[in-house]
Amino acid sequence: MLLIQCPYCDEALPELEFAYAGEAHIARPADPSALSDEEWRDFLFIRTNTRGPHFERWRHIHGCGQFFNAVRDTVSDRFLMTYKAGEPRPVLNALEAAE
């Protein structure tokens, strides 16, 4: 079982406490009506399929209810770090050097 560190509760809890909420740091277009059908489709459905560290959004559904971001290695399924929503995206080189 995976343990996920909630940055708001400051606890490592079983993954069953959390829900995956998609890729992190996806900016919504300022004027969606100005996009072509293909651009809107890409915004809604096309996401990266990264091998290695991947930025994700999670929600602590059975706890504080807060959304937060996480960096998870898709090869090992290991969480490298979690951080509060709204905080800047961490630099991957710093994470890899810390390992």
PDB file of N, CA and C in Angstrom:
ATOM      1  N   MET A   1       0.840  -1.179   0.000  1.00  0.00           N
ATOM      2  CA  MET A   1       0.000   0.000   0.000  1.00  0.00           C
ATOM      3  C   MET A   1       0.886   1.243   0.000  1.00  0.00           C
ATOM      4  N   LEU A   2       0.492   2.216  -0.801  1.00  0.00           N
ATOM      5  CA  LEU A   2       1.220   3.481  -0.859  1.00  0.00           C
ATOM      6  C   LEU A   2       0.820   4.377   0.307  1.00  0.00           C
ATOM      7  N   LEU A   3       1.787   5.100   0.828  1.00  0.00           N
ATOM      8  CA  LEU A   3       1.516   6.135   1.812  1.00  0.00           C
ATOM      9  C   LEU A   3       1.723   7.477   1.135  1.00  0.00           C
ATOM     10  N   ILE A   4       0.769   8.377   1.311  1.00  0.00           N
ATOM     11  CA  ILE A   4       0.839   9.708   0.713  1.00  0.00           C
ATOM     12  C   ILE A   4       0.863  10.731   1.840  1.00  0.00           C
ATOM     13  N   GLN A   5       1.804  11.657   1.753  1.00  0.00           N
ATOM     14  CA  GLN A   5       1.948  12.713   2.754  1.00  0.00           C
ATOM     15  C   GLN A   5       1.029  13.880   2.392  1.00  0.00           C
ATOM     16  N   CYS A   6       0.042  14.154   3.223  1.00  0.00           N
ATOM     17  CA  CYS A   6      -0.833  15.307   3.003  1.00  0.00           C
ATOM     18  C   CYS A   6      -0.101  16.543   3.514  1.00  0.00           C
ATOM     19  N   PRO A   7       0.149  17.538   2.651  1.00  0.00           N
ATOM     20  CA  PRO A   7       0.880  18.721   3.109  1.00  0.00           C
ATOM     21  C   PRO A   7       0.061  19.621   4.044  1.00  0.00           C
ATOM     22  N   TYR A   8      -1.246  19.426   4.105  1.00  0.00           N
ATOM     23  CA  TYR A   8      -2.083  20.225   5.008  1.00  0.00           C
ATOM     24  C   TYR A   8      -2.209  19.567   6.371  1.00  0.00           C
ATOM     25  N   CYS A   9      -2.425  18.259   6.396  1.00  0.00           N
ATOM     26  CA  CYS A   9      -2.552  17.527   7.663  1.00  0.00           C
ATOM     27  C   CYS A   9      -1.179  17.160   8.238  1.00  0.00           C
ATOM     28  N   ASP A  10      -0.165  17.180   7.382  1.00  0.00           N
ATOM     29  CA  ASP A  10       1.211  16.824   7.753  1.00  0.00           C
ATOM     30  C   ASP A  10       1.291  15.395   8.297  1.00  0.00           C
ATOM     31  N   GLU A  11       0.594  14.485   7.607  1.00  0.00           N
ATOM     32  CA  GLU A  11       0.597  13.068   7.970  1.00  0.00           C
ATOM     33  C   GLU A  11       0.772  12.224   6.717  1.00  0.00           C
ATOM     34  N   ALA A  12       1.449  11.090   6.842  1.00  0.00           N
ATOM     35  CA  ALA A  12       1.530  10.104   5.764  1.00  0.00           C
ATOM     36  C   ALA A  12       0.415   9.092   6.002  1.00  0.00           C
ATOM     37  N   LEU A  13      -0.510   9.017   5.049  1.00  0.00           N
ATOM     38  CA  LEU A  13      -1.695   8.179   5.211  1.00  0.00           C
ATOM     39  C   LEU A  13      -1.835   7.233   4.022  1.00  0.00           C
ATOM     40  N   PRO A  14      -2.605   6.134   4.168  1.00  0.00           N
ATOM     41  CA  PRO A  14      -2.801   5.189   3.069  1.00  0.00           C
ATOM     42  C   PRO A  14      -3.473   5.851   1.865  1.00  0.00           C
ATOM     43  N   GLU A  15      -3.127   5.364   0.692  1.00  0.00           N
ATOM     44  CA  GLU A  15      -3.652   5.938  -0.551  1.00  0.00           C
ATOM     45  C   GLU A  15      -5.175   5.908  -0.626  1.00  0.00           C
ATOM     46  N   LEU A  16      -5.825   5.024   0.113  1.00  0.00           N
ATOM     47  CA  LEU A  16      -7.285   4.946   0.113  1.00  0.00           C
ATOM     48  C   LEU A  16      -7.936   6.216   0.647  1.00  0.00           C
ATOM     49  N   GLU A  17      -7.170   7.031   1.363  1.00  0.00           N
ATOM     50  CA  GLU A  17      -7.668   8.304   1.895  1.00  0.00           C
ATOM     51  C   GLU A  17      -7.741   9.385   0.829  1.00  0.00           C
ATOM     52  N   PHE A  18      -7.141   9.137  -0.343  1.00  0.00           N
ATOM     53  CA  PHE A  18      -6.946  10.176  -1.346  1.00  0.00           C
ATOM     54  C   PHE A  18      -7.592   9.807  -2.680  1.00  0.00           C
ATOM     55  N   ALA A  19      -7.819  10.833  -3.504  1.00  0.00           N
ATOM     56  CA  ALA A  19      -8.340  10.627  -4.861  1.00  0.00           C
ATOM     57  C   ALA A  19      -7.445  11.374  -5.838  1.00  0.00           C
ATOM     58  N   TYR A  20      -7.102  10.703  -6.916  1.00  0.00           N
ATOM     59  CA  TYR A  20      -6.318  11.317  -7.987  1.00  0.00           C
ATOM     60  C   TYR A  20      -7.194  12.346  -8.694  1.00  0.00           C
ATOM     61  N   ALA A  21      -6.640  13.510  -9.012  1.00  0.00           N
ATOM     62  CA  ALA A  21      -7.430  14.583  -9.625  1.00  0.00           C
ATOM     63  C   ALA A  21      -6.808  15.098 -10.918  1.00  0.00           C
ATOM     64  N   GLY A  22      -5.942  14.308 -11.548  1.00  0.00           N
ATOM     65  CA  GLY A  22      -5.400  14.695 -12.847  1.00  0.00           C
ATOM     66  C   GLY A  22      -4.014  15.296 -12.777  1.00  0.00           C
ATOM     67  N   GLU A  23      -3.553  15.728 -13.931  1.00  0.00           N
ATOM     68  CA  GLU A  23      -2.226  16.318 -14.052  1.00  0.00           C
ATOM     69  C   GLU A  23      -2.228  17.714 -13.426  1.00  0.00           C
ATOM     70  N   ALA A  24      -1.155  18.051 -12.736  1.00  0.00           N
ATOM     71  CA  ALA A  24      -1.044  19.359 -12.078  1.00  0.00           C
ATOM     72  C   ALA A  24      -0.517  20.412 -13.040  1.00  0.00           C
ATOM     73  N   HIS A  25      -0.739  21.648 -12.669  1.00  0.00           N
ATOM     74  CA  HIS A  25      -0.208  22.824 -13.373  1.00  0.00           C
ATOM     75  C   HIS A  25      -0.713  22.942 -14.808  1.00  0.00           C
ATOM     76  N   ILE A  26      -1.980  22.631 -15.030  1.00  0.00           N
ATOM     77  CA  ILE A  26      -2.617  22.822 -16.337  1.00  0.00           C
ATOM     78  C   ILE A  26      -3.368  24.151 -16.269  1.00  0.00           C
ATOM     79  N   ALA A  27      -2.944  25.110 -17.073  1.00  0.00           N
ATOM     80  CA  ALA A  27      -3.572  26.442 -17.057  1.00  0.00           C
ATOM     81  C   ALA A  27      -4.779  26.462 -17.988  1.00  0.00           C
ATOM     82  N   ARG A  28      -5.890  26.933 -17.482  1.00  0.00           N
ATOM     83  CA  ARG A  28      -7.107  27.061 -18.286  1.00  0.00           C
ATOM     84  C   ARG A  28      -6.926  28.229 -19.251  1.00  0.00           C
ATOM     85  N   PRO A  29      -7.349  28.078 -20.500  1.00  0.00           N
ATOM     86  CA  PRO A  29      -7.236  29.186 -21.460  1.00  0.00           C
ATOM     87  C   PRO A  29      -8.024  30.413 -20.980  1.00  0.00           C
ATOM     88  N   ALA A  30      -7.458  31.595 -21.208  1.00  0.00           N
ATOM     89  CA  ALA A  30      -8.108  32.838 -20.781  1.00  0.00           C
ATOM     90  C   ALA A  30      -9.437  33.045 -21.500  1.00  0.00           C
ATOM     91  N   ASP A  31      -9.484  32.701 -22.787  1.00  0.00           N
ATOM     92  CA  ASP A  31     -10.703  32.880 -23.578  1.00  0.00           C
ATOM     93  C   ASP A  31     -11.005  31.582 -24.331  1.00  0.00           C
ATOM     94  N   PRO A  32     -11.689  30.636 -23.680  1.00  0.00           N
ATOM     95  CA  PRO A  32     -11.950  29.350 -24.325  1.00  0.00           C
ATOM     96  C   PRO A  32     -12.722  29.464 -25.642  1.00  0.00           C
ATOM     97  N   SER A  33     -13.561  30.485 -25.775  1.00  0.00           N
ATOM     98  CA  SER A  33     -14.352  30.625 -27.003  1.00  0.00           C
ATOM     99  C   SER A  33     -13.487  30.989 -28.210  1.00  0.00           C
ATOM    100  N   ALA A  34     -12.267  31.453 -27.964  1.00  0.00           N
ATOM    101  CA  ALA A  34     -11.369  31.808 -29.064  1.00  0.00           C
ATOM    102  C   ALA A  34     -10.604  30.596 -29.596  1.00  0.00           C
ATOM    103  N   LEU A  35     -10.707  29.451 -28.922  1.00  0.00           N
ATOM    104  CA  LEU A  35      -9.969  28.259 -29.336  1.00  0.00           C
ATOM    105  C   LEU A  35     -10.715  27.518 -30.442  1.00  0.00           C
ATOM    106  N   SER A  36      -9.938  26.869 -31.284  1.00  0.00           N
ATOM    107  CA  SER A  36     -10.551  25.995 -32.289  1.00  0.00           C
ATOM    108  C   SER A  36     -11.021  24.721 -31.581  1.00  0.00           C
ATOM    109  N   ASP A  37     -11.817  23.930 -32.272  1.00  0.00           N
ATOM    110  CA  ASP A  37     -12.277  22.666 -31.689  1.00  0.00           C
ATOM    111  C   ASP A  37     -11.100  21.768 -31.330  1.00  0.00           C
ATOM    112  N   GLU A  38     -10.066  21.744 -32.162  1.00  0.00           N
ATOM    113  CA  GLU A  38      -8.897  20.906 -31.908  1.00  0.00           C
ATOM    114  C   GLU A  38      -8.117  21.402 -30.687  1.00  0.00           C
ATOM    115  N   GLU A  39      -7.976  22.725 -30.539  1.00  0.00           N
ATOM    116  CA  GLU A  39      -7.269  23.280 -29.376  1.00  0.00           C
ATOM    117  C   GLU A  39      -8.050  23.005 -28.086  1.00  0.00           C
ATOM    118  N   TRP A  40      -9.370  23.124 -28.140  1.00  0.00           N
ATOM    119  CA  TRP A  40     -10.188  22.846 -26.962  1.00  0.00           C
ATOM    120  C   TRP A  40     -10.120  21.362 -26.607  1.00  0.00           C
ATOM    121  N   ARG A  41     -10.166  20.503 -27.616  1.00  0.00           N
ATOM    122  CA  ARG A  41     -10.023  19.065 -27.379  1.00  0.00           C
ATOM    123  C   ARG A  41      -8.683  18.776 -26.701  1.00  0.00           C
ATOM    124  N   ASP A  42      -7.613  19.376 -27.208  1.00  0.00           N
ATOM    125  CA  ASP A  42      -6.289  19.158 -26.620  1.00  0.00           C
ATOM    126  C   ASP A  42      -6.234  19.618 -25.166  1.00  0.00           C
ATOM    127  N   PHE A  43      -6.850  20.781 -24.870  1.00  0.00           N
ATOM    128  CA  PHE A  43      -6.867  21.258 -23.494  1.00  0.00           C
ATOM    129  C   PHE A  43      -7.613  20.283 -22.582  1.00  0.00           C
ATOM    130  N   LEU A  44      -8.747  19.783 -23.037  1.00  0.00           N
ATOM    131  CA  LEU A  44      -9.574  18.914 -22.202  1.00  0.00           C
ATOM    132  C   LEU A  44      -9.009  17.508 -22.020  1.00  0.00           C
ATOM    133  N   PHE A  45      -8.432  16.948 -23.077  1.00  0.00           N
ATOM    134  CA  PHE A  45      -8.132  15.513 -23.048  1.00  0.00           C
ATOM    135  C   PHE A  45      -6.670  15.120 -23.193  1.00  0.00           C
ATOM    136  N   ILE A  46      -5.851  15.931 -23.817  1.00  0.00           N
ATOM    137  CA  ILE A  46      -4.473  15.534 -24.090  1.00  0.00           C
ATOM    138  C   ILE A  46      -3.585  15.912 -22.903  1.00  0.00           C
ATOM    139  N   ARG A  47      -2.951  14.927 -22.321  1.00  0.00           N
ATOM    140  CA  ARG A  47      -2.050  15.124 -21.190  1.00  0.00           C
ATOM    141  C   ARG A  47      -0.742  14.411 -21.472  1.00  0.00           C
ATOM    142  N   THR A  48       0.286  14.798 -20.727  1.00  0.00           N
ATOM    143  CA  THR A  48       1.577  14.141 -20.895  1.00  0.00           C
ATOM    144  C   THR A  48       1.496  12.736 -20.308  1.00  0.00           C
ATOM    145  N   ASN A  49       2.290  11.855 -20.823  1.00  0.00           N
ATOM    146  CA  ASN A  49       2.374  10.491 -20.316  1.00  0.00           C
ATOM    147  C   ASN A  49       3.842  10.259 -19.969  1.00  0.00           C
ATOM    148  N   THR A  50       4.282  10.928 -18.929  1.00  0.00           N
ATOM    149  CA  THR A  50       5.683  10.992 -18.555  1.00  0.00           C
ATOM    150  C   THR A  50       6.179   9.676 -17.973  1.00  0.00           C
ATOM    151  N   ARG A  51       7.369   9.306 -18.371  1.00  0.00           N
ATOM    152  CA  ARG A  51       8.063   8.181 -17.726  1.00  0.00           C
ATOM    153  C   ARG A  51       9.045   8.805 -16.745  1.00  0.00           C
ATOM    154  N   GLY A  52       8.824   8.576 -15.479  1.00  0.00           N
ATOM    155  CA  GLY A  52       9.654   9.195 -14.445  1.00  0.00           C
ATOM    156  C   GLY A  52       8.828  10.172 -13.626  1.00  0.00           C
ATOM    157  N   PRO A  53       9.449  11.232 -13.106  1.00  0.00           N
ATOM    158  CA  PRO A  53       8.728  12.187 -12.258  1.00  0.00           C
ATOM    159  C   PRO A  53       7.580  12.863 -13.014  1.00  0.00           C
ATOM    160  N   HIS A  54       6.408  12.856 -12.396  1.00  0.00           N
ATOM    161  CA  HIS A  54       5.194  13.399 -13.016  1.00  0.00           C
ATOM    162  C   HIS A  54       4.461  14.249 -11.984  1.00  0.00           C
ATOM    163  N   PHE A  55       4.024  15.444 -12.384  1.00  0.00           N
ATOM    164  CA  PHE A  55       3.317  16.360 -11.495  1.00  0.00           C
ATOM    165  C   PHE A  55       1.820  16.053 -11.539  1.00  0.00           C
ATOM    166  N   GLU A  56       1.253  15.771 -10.372  1.00  0.00           N
ATOM    167  CA  GLU A  56      -0.145  15.352 -10.287  1.00  0.00           C
ATOM    168  C   GLU A  56      -0.882  16.161  -9.230  1.00  0.00           C
ATOM    169  N   ARG A  57      -2.207  16.202  -9.372  1.00  0.00           N
ATOM    170  CA  ARG A  57      -3.098  16.793  -8.370  1.00  0.00           C
ATOM    171  C   ARG A  57      -3.801  15.661  -7.626  1.00  0.00           C
ATOM    172  N   TRP A  58      -3.895  15.817  -6.326  1.00  0.00           N
ATOM    173  CA  TRP A  58      -4.579  14.840  -5.490  1.00  0.00           C
ATOM    174  C   TRP A  58      -5.502  15.579  -4.533  1.00  0.00           C
ATOM    175  N   ARG A  59      -6.463  14.851  -3.965  1.00  0.00           N
ATOM    176  CA  ARG A  59      -7.361  15.423  -2.965  1.00  0.00           C
ATOM    177  C   ARG A  59      -7.458  14.472  -1.786  1.00  0.00           C
ATOM    178  N   HIS A  60      -7.349  15.032  -0.601  1.00  0.00           N
ATOM    179  CA  HIS A  60      -7.461  14.242   0.632  1.00  0.00           C
ATOM    180  C   HIS A  60      -8.951  14.120   0.972  1.00  0.00           C
ATOM    181  N   ILE A  61      -9.622  13.189   0.314  1.00  0.00           N
ATOM    182  CA  ILE A  61     -11.081  13.109   0.408  1.00  0.00           C
ATOM    183  C   ILE A  61     -11.584  12.635   1.771  1.00  0.00           C
ATOM    184  N   HIS A  62     -10.837  11.787   2.455  1.00  0.00           N
ATOM    185  CA  HIS A  62     -11.290  11.264   3.755  1.00  0.00           C
ATOM    186  C   HIS A  62     -10.567  11.949   4.904  1.00  0.00           C
ATOM    187  N   GLY A  63     -10.149  13.171   4.673  1.00  0.00           N
ATOM    188  CA  GLY A  63      -9.453  13.935   5.708  1.00  0.00           C
ATOM    189  C   GLY A  63      -9.845  15.392   5.611  1.00  0.00           C
ATOM    190  N   CYS A  64      -8.880  16.232   5.308  1.00  0.00           N
ATOM    191  CA  CYS A  64      -9.115  17.678   5.286  1.00  0.00           C
ATOM    192  C   CYS A  64      -9.880  18.147   4.047  1.00  0.00           C
ATOM    193  N   GLY A  65      -9.957  17.315   2.999  1.00  0.00           N
ATOM    194  CA  GLY A  65     -10.694  17.674   1.793  1.00  0.00           C
ATOM    195  C   GLY A  65      -9.946  18.597   0.848  1.00  0.00           C
ATOM    196  N   GLN A  66      -8.727  18.939   1.169  1.00  0.00           N
ATOM    197  CA  GLN A  66      -7.942  19.885   0.376  1.00  0.00           C
ATOM    198  C   GLN A  66      -7.324  19.222  -0.857  1.00  0.00           C
ATOM    199  N   PHE A  67      -7.207  20.009  -1.925  1.00  0.00           N
ATOM    200  CA  PHE A  67      -6.433  19.598  -3.100  1.00  0.00           C
ATOM    201  C   PHE A  67      -4.978  19.966  -2.858  1.00  0.00           C
ATOM    202  N   PHE A  68      -4.072  19.130  -3.343  1.00  0.00           N
ATOM    203  CA  PHE A  68      -2.639  19.421  -3.254  1.00  0.00           C
ATOM    204  C   PHE A  68      -1.957  18.809  -4.465  1.00  0.00           C
ATOM    205  N   ASN A  69      -0.706  19.165  -4.663  1.00  0.00           N
ATOM    206  CA  ASN A  69       0.070  18.639  -5.777  1.00  0.00           C
ATOM    207  C   ASN A  69       1.096  17.648  -5.263  1.00  0.00           C
ATOM    208  N   ALA A  70       1.473  16.734  -6.127  1.00  0.00           N
ATOM    209  CA  ALA A  70       2.472  15.727  -5.780  1.00  0.00           C
ATOM    210  C   ALA A  70       3.374  15.479  -6.980  1.00  0.00           C
ATOM    211  N   VAL A  71       4.600  15.076  -6.691  1.00  0.00           N
ATOM    212  CA  VAL A  71       5.511  14.614  -7.727  1.00  0.00           C
ATOM    213  C   VAL A  71       5.673  13.126  -7.477  1.00  0.00           C
ATOM    214  N   ARG A  72       5.237  12.324  -8.465  1.00  0.00           N
ATOM    215  CA  ARG A  72       5.283  10.861  -8.329  1.00  0.00           C
ATOM    216  C   ARG A  72       6.096  10.286  -9.472  1.00  0.00           C
ATOM    217  N   ASP A  73       6.968   9.358  -9.156  1.00  0.00           N
ATOM    218  CA  ASP A  73       7.744   8.658 -10.170  1.00  0.00           C
ATOM    219  C   ASP A  73       6.863   7.562 -10.757  1.00  0.00           C
ATOM    220  N   THR A  74       6.543   7.658 -12.044  1.00  0.00           N
ATOM    221  CA  THR A  74       5.626   6.701 -12.667  1.00  0.00           C
ATOM    222  C   THR A  74       6.262   5.337 -12.897  1.00  0.00           C
ATOM    223  N   VAL A  75       7.583   5.245 -12.807  1.00  0.00           N
ATOM    224  CA  VAL A  75       8.253   3.959 -12.980  1.00  0.00           C
ATOM    225  C   VAL A  75       8.175   3.147 -11.682  1.00  0.00           C
ATOM    226  N   SER A  76       8.536   3.782 -10.574  1.00  0.00           N
ATOM    227  CA  SER A  76       8.548   3.074  -9.286  1.00  0.00           C
ATOM    228  C   SER A  76       7.245   3.250  -8.499  1.00  0.00           C
ATOM    229  N   ASP A  77       6.371   4.173  -8.934  1.00  0.00           N
ATOM    230  CA  ASP A  77       5.122   4.518  -8.253  1.00  0.00           C
ATOM    231  C   ASP A  77       5.385   5.126  -6.880  1.00  0.00           C
ATOM    232  N   ARG A  78       6.559   5.714  -6.698  1.00  0.00           N
ATOM    233  CA  ARG A  78       6.962   6.322  -5.434  1.00  0.00           C
ATOM    234  C   ARG A  78       6.675   7.821  -5.468  1.00  0.00           C
ATOM    235  N   PHE A  79       6.118   8.350  -4.383  1.00  0.00           N
ATOM    236  CA  PHE A  79       5.902   9.787  -4.271  1.00  0.00           C
ATOM    237  C   PHE A  79       7.205  10.439  -3.853  1.00  0.00           C
ATOM    238  N   LEU A  80       7.685  11.391  -4.664  1.00  0.00           N
ATOM    239  CA  LEU A  80       8.926  12.087  -4.358  1.00  0.00           C
ATOM    240  C   LEU A  80       8.679  13.228  -3.386  1.00  0.00           C
ATOM    241  N   MET A  81       7.541  13.904  -3.540  1.00  0.00           N
ATOM    242  CA  MET A  81       7.178  14.984  -2.628  1.00  0.00           C
ATOM    243  C   MET A  81       5.728  15.383  -2.855  1.00  0.00           C
ATOM    244  N   THR A  82       5.159  16.054  -1.869  1.00  0.00           N
ATOM    245  CA  THR A  82       3.842  16.677  -2.013  1.00  0.00           C
ATOM    246  C   THR A  82       3.987  18.129  -1.573  1.00  0.00           C
ATOM    247  N   TYR A  83       3.128  18.984  -2.123  1.00  0.00           N
ATOM    248  CA  TYR A  83       3.166  20.396  -1.759  1.00  0.00           C
ATOM    249  C   TYR A  83       1.787  20.995  -1.958  1.00  0.00           C
ATOM    250  N   LYS A  84       1.536  22.090  -1.250  1.00  0.00           N
ATOM    251  CA  LYS A  84       0.215  22.711  -1.252  1.00  0.00           C
ATOM    252  C   LYS A  84      -0.140  23.273  -2.623  1.00  0.00           C
ATOM    253  N   ALA A  85      -1.426  23.240  -2.939  1.00  0.00           N
ATOM    254  CA  ALA A  85      -1.923  23.829  -4.184  1.00  0.00           C
ATOM    255  C   ALA A  85      -1.604  25.315  -4.177  1.00  0.00           C
ATOM    256  N   GLY A  86      -1.213  25.828  -5.328  1.00  0.00           N
ATOM    257  CA  GLY A  86      -0.866  27.237  -5.436  1.00  0.00           C
ATOM    258  C   GLY A  86       0.613  27.511  -5.271  1.00  0.00           C
ATOM    259  N   GLU A  87       1.349  26.570  -4.692  1.00  0.00           N
ATOM    260  CA  GLU A  87       2.798  26.735  -4.580  1.00  0.00           C
ATOM    261  C   GLU A  87       3.426  26.487  -5.945  1.00  0.00           C
ATOM    262  N   PRO A  88       4.567  27.120  -6.221  1.00  0.00           N
ATOM    263  CA  PRO A  88       5.192  26.931  -7.538  1.00  0.00           C
ATOM    264  C   PRO A  88       5.672  25.495  -7.747  1.00  0.00           C
ATOM    265  N   ARG A  89       5.737  25.136  -8.989  1.00  0.00           N
ATOM    266  CA  ARG A  89       6.212  23.813  -9.389  1.00  0.00           C
ATOM    267  C   ARG A  89       7.683  23.665  -8.989  1.00  0.00           C
ATOM    268  N   PRO A  90       8.050  22.621  -8.251  1.00  0.00           N
ATOM    269  CA  PRO A  90       9.449  22.459  -7.837  1.00  0.00           C
ATOM    270  C   PRO A  90      10.340  22.108  -9.030  1.00  0.00           C
ATOM    271  N   VAL A  91      11.621  22.409  -8.893  1.00  0.00           N
ATOM    272  CA  VAL A  91      12.598  22.108  -9.936  1.00  0.00           C
ATOM    273  C   VAL A  91      12.972  20.629  -9.822  1.00  0.00           C
ATOM    274  N   LEU A  92      12.836  19.898 -10.919  1.00  0.00           N
ATOM    275  CA  LEU A  92      13.093  18.453 -10.894  1.00  0.00           C
ATOM    276  C   LEU A  92      14.551  18.127 -10.588  1.00  0.00           C
ATOM    277  N   ASN A  93      15.501  18.931 -11.065  1.00  0.00           N
ATOM    278  CA  ASN A  93      16.915  18.648 -10.812  1.00  0.00           C
ATOM    279  C   ASN A  93      17.206  18.620  -9.318  1.00  0.00           C
ATOM    280  N   ALA A  94      16.578  19.512  -8.562  1.00  0.00           N
ATOM    281  CA  ALA A  94      16.779  19.543  -7.109  1.00  0.00           C
ATOM    282  C   ALA A  94      16.225  18.281  -6.458  1.00  0.00           C
ATOM    283  N   LEU A  95      15.086  17.779  -6.955  1.00  0.00           N
ATOM    284  CA  LEU A  95      14.501  16.555  -6.416  1.00  0.00           C
ATOM    285  C   LEU A  95      15.385  15.353  -6.689  1.00  0.00           C
ATOM    286  N   GLU A  96      15.876  15.259  -7.930  1.00  0.00           N
ATOM    287  CA  GLU A  96      16.692  14.110  -8.308  1.00  0.00           C
ATOM    288  C   GLU A  96      18.020  14.110  -7.557  1.00  0.00           C
ATOM    289  N   ALA A  97      18.569  15.300  -7.261  1.00  0.00           N
ATOM    290  CA  ALA A  97      19.824  15.392  -6.522  1.00  0.00           C
ATOM    291  C   ALA A  97      19.634  14.979  -5.063  1.00  0.00           C
ATOM    292  N   ALA A  98      18.431  15.210  -4.521  1.00  0.00           N
ATOM    293  CA  ALA A  98      18.147  14.860  -3.124  1.00  0.00           C
ATOM    294  C   ALA A  98      18.043  13.364  -2.908  1.00  0.00           C
ATOM    295  N   GLU A  99      17.783  12.605  -3.976  1.00  0.00           N
ATOM    296  CA  GLU A  99      17.631  11.156  -3.820  1.00  0.00           C
ATOM    297  C   GLU A  99      18.922  10.506  -3.625  1.00  0.00           C
TER     298      GLU A  99
END
